[in-house]
Amino acid sequence: MKTAVLVTTALLFATPALAADPVSLLGTWKGEEAGVGAKDGWDRHDLLLEVREQQGVAFKAMKSYGAPGAYETSEVHGSMTPDGRIVVVVDADGVFTGSLAGPDVLDLCYAETGEDASAKCSRLVRQK
């Protein structure tokens, strides 16, 4: 009997917990991105991320950056850990990595290599 209890207890602790539903990133996130690049030099501009579709931990979004009235927009693709602790977003040129700092706060850093290498970070707040 003791052996059965020990085995059952060991299995309970060894079995990974089932993941909860993934965090929803749907909505429009807005903030300021700041950094430096080989071609752009020091740079600071608006950044918007509009997450339009999400299936589980994967999502599609539109990224817009620049100054109001003169935004450049492109499609991006992303995924995250189910708890939202790690978020990865890619576009045609580079990679954003980051995490949720709160339910409506997303910290992202962008890295691009090559001739137009750059590194930029932002804090985005979900718009209500």
N, C-alpha and C. Protein backbone atom coordinates (compact mmCIF):
# COMPACT_ATOMS: atom_id res chain seq x y z
N MET A 1 0.82 -1.19 0.00
CA MET A 1 0.00 0.00 0.00
C MET A 1 0.87 1.26 0.00
N LYS A 2 1.93 1.25 0.83
CA LYS A 2 2.83 2.39 0.87
C LYS A 2 3.46 2.63 -0.49
N THR A 3 3.81 1.56 -1.19
CA THR A 3 4.43 1.68 -2.50
C THR A 3 3.47 2.34 -3.48
N ALA A 4 2.20 1.95 -3.47
CA ALA A 4 1.20 2.52 -4.37
C ALA A 4 1.03 4.01 -4.11
N VAL A 5 1.02 4.42 -2.85
CA VAL A 5 0.88 5.83 -2.50
C VAL A 5 2.10 6.61 -2.97
N LEU A 6 3.29 6.05 -2.77
CA LEU A 6 4.51 6.72 -3.20
C LEU A 6 4.57 6.86 -4.72
N VAL A 7 4.19 5.81 -5.45
CA VAL A 7 4.20 5.86 -6.91
C VAL A 7 3.19 6.89 -7.41
N THR A 8 1.98 6.88 -6.84
CA THR A 8 0.96 7.85 -7.23
C THR A 8 1.42 9.27 -6.96
N THR A 9 2.00 9.50 -5.80
CA THR A 9 2.50 10.83 -5.45
C THR A 9 3.61 11.25 -6.40
N ALA A 10 4.52 10.35 -6.71
CA ALA A 10 5.62 10.66 -7.63
C ALA A 10 5.08 11.01 -9.02
N LEU A 11 4.08 10.28 -9.49
CA LEU A 11 3.50 10.57 -10.80
C LEU A 11 2.82 11.93 -10.84
N LEU A 12 2.14 12.28 -9.75
CA LEU A 12 1.47 13.59 -9.70
C LEU A 12 2.47 14.72 -9.83
N PHE A 13 3.61 14.59 -9.16
CA PHE A 13 4.62 15.65 -9.21
C PHE A 13 5.44 15.60 -10.49
N ALA A 14 5.56 14.45 -11.13
CA ALA A 14 6.36 14.32 -12.34
C ALA A 14 5.57 14.71 -13.59
N THR A 15 4.24 14.65 -13.55
CA THR A 15 3.42 14.99 -14.70
C THR A 15 3.31 16.49 -14.83
N PRO A 16 3.65 17.04 -15.99
CA PRO A 16 3.54 18.49 -16.13
C PRO A 16 2.09 18.94 -16.04
N ALA A 17 1.88 20.09 -15.46
CA ALA A 17 0.53 20.63 -15.36
C ALA A 17 0.04 21.00 -16.75
N LEU A 18 -1.25 20.83 -16.97
CA LEU A 18 -1.82 21.21 -18.25
C LEU A 18 -1.78 22.73 -18.38
N ALA A 19 -1.39 23.20 -19.53
CA ALA A 19 -1.28 24.64 -19.75
C ALA A 19 -2.66 25.27 -19.77
N ALA A 20 -2.77 26.43 -19.19
CA ALA A 20 -4.01 27.18 -19.22
C ALA A 20 -4.18 27.75 -20.63
N ASP A 21 -5.33 28.32 -20.90
CA ASP A 21 -5.54 28.96 -22.19
C ASP A 21 -4.48 30.03 -22.38
N PRO A 22 -3.98 30.17 -23.60
CA PRO A 22 -2.96 31.19 -23.85
C PRO A 22 -3.50 32.60 -23.59
N VAL A 23 -2.61 33.48 -23.28
CA VAL A 23 -2.95 34.88 -23.06
C VAL A 23 -3.42 35.46 -24.39
N SER A 24 -4.47 36.26 -24.37
CA SER A 24 -4.93 36.92 -25.59
C SER A 24 -4.13 38.20 -25.82
N LEU A 25 -3.60 38.33 -27.03
CA LEU A 25 -2.90 39.55 -27.42
C LEU A 25 -3.73 40.38 -28.39
N LEU A 26 -4.96 39.96 -28.66
CA LEU A 26 -5.80 40.67 -29.61
C LEU A 26 -5.98 42.13 -29.21
N GLY A 27 -5.93 42.99 -30.19
CA GLY A 27 -6.12 44.41 -29.95
C GLY A 27 -4.99 45.23 -30.51
N THR A 28 -5.04 46.52 -30.25
CA THR A 28 -4.03 47.45 -30.72
C THR A 28 -3.13 47.87 -29.57
N TRP A 29 -1.84 47.71 -29.77
CA TRP A 29 -0.82 48.05 -28.77
C TRP A 29 -0.04 49.25 -29.30
N LYS A 30 0.20 50.23 -28.45
CA LYS A 30 0.85 51.46 -28.92
C LYS A 30 1.91 51.90 -27.92
N GLY A 31 3.00 52.43 -28.47
CA GLY A 31 4.06 52.96 -27.61
C GLY A 31 5.12 53.65 -28.45
N GLU A 32 6.24 53.92 -27.81
CA GLU A 32 7.36 54.57 -28.49
C GLU A 32 8.52 53.59 -28.54
N GLU A 33 9.16 53.51 -29.71
CA GLU A 33 10.32 52.64 -29.90
C GLU A 33 11.56 53.53 -30.00
N ALA A 34 12.60 53.16 -29.28
CA ALA A 34 13.84 53.95 -29.29
C ALA A 34 15.03 53.02 -29.44
N GLY A 35 16.03 53.47 -30.20
CA GLY A 35 17.24 52.67 -30.37
C GLY A 35 18.20 53.34 -31.32
N VAL A 36 19.06 52.51 -31.91
CA VAL A 36 20.07 53.03 -32.81
C VAL A 36 20.31 52.01 -33.92
N GLY A 37 20.61 52.53 -35.12
CA GLY A 37 20.86 51.66 -36.25
C GLY A 37 22.03 52.15 -37.08
N ALA A 38 22.62 51.22 -37.85
CA ALA A 38 23.78 51.55 -38.69
C ALA A 38 23.44 52.61 -39.73
N LYS A 39 22.24 52.54 -40.31
CA LYS A 39 21.84 53.51 -41.32
C LYS A 39 21.02 54.66 -40.74
N ASP A 40 20.15 54.35 -39.80
CA ASP A 40 19.23 55.37 -39.25
C ASP A 40 19.86 56.21 -38.15
N GLY A 41 20.95 55.75 -37.56
CA GLY A 41 21.51 56.44 -36.40
C GLY A 41 20.56 56.33 -35.22
N TRP A 42 20.60 57.34 -34.35
CA TRP A 42 19.70 57.34 -33.18
C TRP A 42 18.29 57.54 -33.69
N ASP A 43 17.36 56.76 -33.13
CA ASP A 43 16.01 56.76 -33.68
C ASP A 43 14.98 56.64 -32.55
N ARG A 44 13.92 57.40 -32.67
CA ARG A 44 12.80 57.35 -31.71
C ARG A 44 11.54 57.63 -32.52
N HIS A 45 10.56 56.72 -32.44
CA HIS A 45 9.32 56.90 -33.21
C HIS A 45 8.18 56.11 -32.58
N ASP A 46 6.96 56.39 -33.03
CA ASP A 46 5.79 55.64 -32.59
C ASP A 46 5.86 54.22 -33.14
N LEU A 47 5.31 53.28 -32.37
CA LEU A 47 5.18 51.90 -32.82
C LEU A 47 3.79 51.41 -32.44
N LEU A 48 3.08 50.86 -33.41
CA LEU A 48 1.77 50.27 -33.17
C LEU A 48 1.80 48.83 -33.63
N LEU A 49 1.19 47.95 -32.86
CA LEU A 49 1.08 46.55 -33.21
C LEU A 49 -0.40 46.20 -33.09
N GLU A 50 -1.04 45.90 -34.22
CA GLU A 50 -2.45 45.56 -34.22
C GLU A 50 -2.59 44.05 -34.43
N VAL A 51 -2.85 43.33 -33.33
CA VAL A 51 -3.00 41.87 -33.39
C VAL A 51 -4.44 41.59 -33.81
N ARG A 52 -4.58 41.05 -35.03
CA ARG A 52 -5.90 40.85 -35.62
C ARG A 52 -6.40 39.42 -35.52
N GLU A 53 -5.48 38.46 -35.54
CA GLU A 53 -5.85 37.04 -35.49
C GLU A 53 -4.96 36.33 -34.49
N GLN A 54 -5.55 35.41 -33.73
CA GLN A 54 -4.76 34.59 -32.81
C GLN A 54 -5.37 33.20 -32.74
N GLN A 55 -4.53 32.19 -32.89
CA GLN A 55 -4.93 30.80 -32.74
C GLN A 55 -3.97 30.19 -31.74
N GLY A 56 -4.45 29.92 -30.54
CA GLY A 56 -3.58 29.40 -29.49
C GLY A 56 -2.52 30.43 -29.16
N VAL A 57 -1.26 30.03 -29.24
CA VAL A 57 -0.16 30.94 -28.91
C VAL A 57 0.36 31.71 -30.11
N ALA A 58 -0.12 31.38 -31.32
CA ALA A 58 0.35 32.03 -32.55
C ALA A 58 -0.59 33.18 -32.94
N PHE A 59 -0.01 34.21 -33.57
CA PHE A 59 -0.84 35.34 -33.97
C PHE A 59 -0.28 36.04 -35.20
N LYS A 60 -1.15 36.78 -35.88
CA LYS A 60 -0.79 37.62 -37.01
C LYS A 60 -1.13 39.05 -36.63
N ALA A 61 -0.29 39.98 -37.06
CA ALA A 61 -0.52 41.38 -36.71
C ALA A 61 -0.01 42.29 -37.81
N MET A 62 -0.39 43.55 -37.71
CA MET A 62 0.15 44.61 -38.55
C MET A 62 1.00 45.50 -37.67
N LYS A 63 2.22 45.77 -38.14
CA LYS A 63 3.14 46.66 -37.43
C LYS A 63 3.18 47.98 -38.17
N SER A 64 3.00 49.07 -37.45
CA SER A 64 3.09 50.41 -38.04
C SER A 64 4.08 51.21 -37.21
N TYR A 65 4.94 51.96 -37.89
CA TYR A 65 5.90 52.77 -37.15
C TYR A 65 6.20 54.05 -37.92
N GLY A 66 6.67 55.02 -37.20
CA GLY A 66 6.98 56.32 -37.79
C GLY A 66 6.28 57.42 -37.03
N ALA A 67 5.94 58.47 -37.75
CA ALA A 67 5.25 59.62 -37.16
C ALA A 67 3.78 59.58 -37.58
N PRO A 68 2.86 60.06 -36.73
CA PRO A 68 1.45 60.09 -37.11
C PRO A 68 1.26 60.74 -38.48
N GLY A 69 0.47 60.08 -39.33
CA GLY A 69 0.24 60.58 -40.68
C GLY A 69 1.26 60.10 -41.69
N ALA A 70 2.35 59.48 -41.21
CA ALA A 70 3.40 59.00 -42.12
C ALA A 70 3.90 57.62 -41.68
N TYR A 71 2.98 56.77 -41.24
CA TYR A 71 3.36 55.44 -40.77
C TYR A 71 3.73 54.52 -41.92
N GLU A 72 4.75 53.69 -41.70
CA GLU A 72 5.05 52.57 -42.59
C GLU A 72 4.43 51.34 -41.95
N THR A 73 3.76 50.52 -42.74
CA THR A 73 3.01 49.38 -42.20
C THR A 73 3.44 48.10 -42.90
N SER A 74 3.55 47.01 -42.12
CA SER A 74 3.85 45.70 -42.70
C SER A 74 3.24 44.61 -41.82
N GLU A 75 3.06 43.45 -42.42
CA GLU A 75 2.52 42.31 -41.69
C GLU A 75 3.63 41.64 -40.91
N VAL A 76 3.31 41.20 -39.70
CA VAL A 76 4.25 40.45 -38.87
C VAL A 76 3.56 39.19 -38.37
N HIS A 77 4.37 38.23 -37.93
CA HIS A 77 3.87 36.95 -37.41
C HIS A 77 4.53 36.70 -36.07
N GLY A 78 3.77 36.11 -35.14
CA GLY A 78 4.34 35.91 -33.82
C GLY A 78 3.84 34.67 -33.12
N SER A 79 4.50 34.37 -32.03
CA SER A 79 4.11 33.28 -31.16
C SER A 79 4.61 33.61 -29.76
N MET A 80 4.11 32.90 -28.78
CA MET A 80 4.50 33.15 -27.39
C MET A 80 4.33 31.89 -26.57
N THR A 81 4.95 31.89 -25.41
CA THR A 81 4.71 30.81 -24.47
C THR A 81 3.28 31.00 -23.94
N PRO A 82 2.61 29.93 -23.53
CA PRO A 82 1.22 30.04 -23.09
C PRO A 82 0.99 31.07 -21.99
N ASP A 83 1.97 31.32 -21.14
CA ASP A 83 1.80 32.29 -20.07
C ASP A 83 2.17 33.71 -20.51
N GLY A 84 2.60 33.88 -21.76
CA GLY A 84 2.96 35.19 -22.28
C GLY A 84 4.30 35.71 -21.78
N ARG A 85 5.05 34.87 -21.10
CA ARG A 85 6.34 35.33 -20.56
C ARG A 85 7.34 35.63 -21.66
N ILE A 86 7.27 34.88 -22.77
CA ILE A 86 8.17 35.13 -23.89
C ILE A 86 7.33 35.31 -25.14
N VAL A 87 7.56 36.42 -25.85
CA VAL A 87 6.86 36.73 -27.08
C VAL A 87 7.91 36.92 -28.17
N VAL A 88 7.68 36.31 -29.34
CA VAL A 88 8.59 36.45 -30.48
C VAL A 88 7.75 36.88 -31.68
N VAL A 89 8.21 37.92 -32.36
CA VAL A 89 7.52 38.45 -33.54
C VAL A 89 8.57 38.63 -34.64
N VAL A 90 8.23 38.21 -35.87
CA VAL A 90 9.16 38.36 -36.99
C VAL A 90 8.51 39.16 -38.11
N ASP A 91 9.36 39.92 -38.81
CA ASP A 91 8.94 40.56 -40.05
C ASP A 91 9.96 40.17 -41.12
N ALA A 92 9.92 40.80 -42.26
CA ALA A 92 10.81 40.42 -43.36
C ALA A 92 12.27 40.69 -43.07
N ASP A 93 12.57 41.58 -42.11
CA ASP A 93 13.94 41.99 -41.87
C ASP A 93 14.54 41.55 -40.54
N GLY A 94 13.71 41.41 -39.51
CA GLY A 94 14.27 41.18 -38.19
C GLY A 94 13.32 40.49 -37.24
N VAL A 95 13.70 40.52 -35.96
CA VAL A 95 13.00 39.78 -34.92
C VAL A 95 12.75 40.68 -33.72
N PHE A 96 11.52 40.64 -33.19
CA PHE A 96 11.19 41.23 -31.91
C PHE A 96 11.17 40.11 -30.88
N THR A 97 11.72 40.34 -29.72
CA THR A 97 11.56 39.43 -28.59
C THR A 97 11.09 40.26 -27.41
N GLY A 98 10.33 39.65 -26.54
CA GLY A 98 9.84 40.41 -25.39
C GLY A 98 8.96 39.58 -24.49
N SER A 99 8.18 40.31 -23.68
CA SER A 99 7.31 39.65 -22.72
C SER A 99 6.21 40.60 -22.28
N LEU A 100 5.19 40.03 -21.67
CA LEU A 100 4.14 40.83 -21.09
C LEU A 100 4.60 41.32 -19.72
N ALA A 101 4.56 42.63 -19.52
CA ALA A 101 4.93 43.21 -18.23
C ALA A 101 3.68 43.38 -17.36
N GLY A 102 2.52 43.17 -17.94
CA GLY A 102 1.22 43.26 -17.28
C GLY A 102 0.18 42.83 -18.29
N PRO A 103 -1.08 42.74 -17.88
CA PRO A 103 -2.10 42.26 -18.82
C PRO A 103 -2.25 43.13 -20.06
N ASP A 104 -1.91 44.41 -19.95
CA ASP A 104 -2.05 45.32 -21.08
C ASP A 104 -0.75 46.07 -21.39
N VAL A 105 0.39 45.49 -20.99
CA VAL A 105 1.69 46.10 -21.23
C VAL A 105 2.61 45.06 -21.85
N LEU A 106 3.14 45.36 -23.03
CA LEU A 106 3.99 44.44 -23.78
C LEU A 106 5.34 45.12 -24.04
N ASP A 107 6.40 44.55 -23.50
CA ASP A 107 7.76 45.05 -23.75
C ASP A 107 8.36 44.26 -24.89
N LEU A 108 8.83 44.95 -25.93
CA LEU A 108 9.43 44.30 -27.09
C LEU A 108 10.74 44.97 -27.46
N CYS A 109 11.71 44.17 -27.87
CA CYS A 109 12.97 44.68 -28.42
C CYS A 109 13.16 44.10 -29.80
N TYR A 110 13.60 44.93 -30.73
CA TYR A 110 13.77 44.56 -32.12
C TYR A 110 15.25 44.48 -32.46
N ALA A 111 15.63 43.47 -33.23
CA ALA A 111 17.02 43.33 -33.69
C ALA A 111 17.01 43.00 -35.17
N GLU A 112 17.87 43.69 -35.89
CA GLU A 112 18.04 43.47 -37.32
C GLU A 112 19.54 43.43 -37.58
N THR A 113 19.98 42.50 -38.43
CA THR A 113 21.40 42.39 -38.74
C THR A 113 21.66 42.81 -40.18
N GLY A 114 22.90 42.85 -40.56
CA GLY A 114 23.26 43.19 -41.94
C GLY A 114 23.64 44.65 -42.07
N GLU A 115 23.61 45.14 -43.31
CA GLU A 115 24.02 46.51 -43.59
C GLU A 115 23.21 47.55 -42.82
N ASP A 116 21.93 47.26 -42.61
CA ASP A 116 21.09 48.19 -41.88
C ASP A 116 20.77 47.67 -40.47
N ALA A 117 21.77 47.10 -39.83
CA ALA A 117 21.62 46.55 -38.48
C ALA A 117 21.07 47.61 -37.52
N SER A 118 20.19 47.16 -36.63
CA SER A 118 19.64 48.08 -35.63
C SER A 118 19.16 47.30 -34.42
N ALA A 119 19.05 48.01 -33.31
CA ALA A 119 18.50 47.47 -32.07
C ALA A 119 17.62 48.55 -31.46
N LYS A 120 16.37 48.18 -31.18
CA LYS A 120 15.40 49.15 -30.66
C LYS A 120 14.47 48.45 -29.68
N CYS A 121 14.06 49.16 -28.65
CA CYS A 121 13.13 48.59 -27.67
C CYS A 121 11.95 49.52 -27.45
N SER A 122 10.85 48.93 -26.99
CA SER A 122 9.63 49.70 -26.77
C SER A 122 8.80 49.09 -25.65
N ARG A 123 7.96 49.91 -25.10
CA ARG A 123 6.92 49.46 -24.16
C ARG A 123 5.61 49.84 -24.81
N LEU A 124 4.81 48.80 -25.15
CA LEU A 124 3.52 49.01 -25.81
C LEU A 124 2.38 48.81 -24.81
N VAL A 125 1.39 49.65 -24.88
CA VAL A 125 0.22 49.55 -24.00
C VAL A 125 -0.99 49.25 -24.88
N ARG A 126 -1.78 48.24 -24.46
CA ARG A 126 -2.98 47.89 -25.22
C ARG A 126 -3.98 49.04 -25.07
N GLN A 127 -4.51 49.47 -26.23
CA GLN A 127 -5.47 50.57 -26.25
C GLN A 127 -6.86 50.02 -25.94
N LYS A 128 -7.58 50.72 -25.11
CA LYS A 128 -8.93 50.28 -24.72
C LYS A 128 -9.98 50.95 -25.56
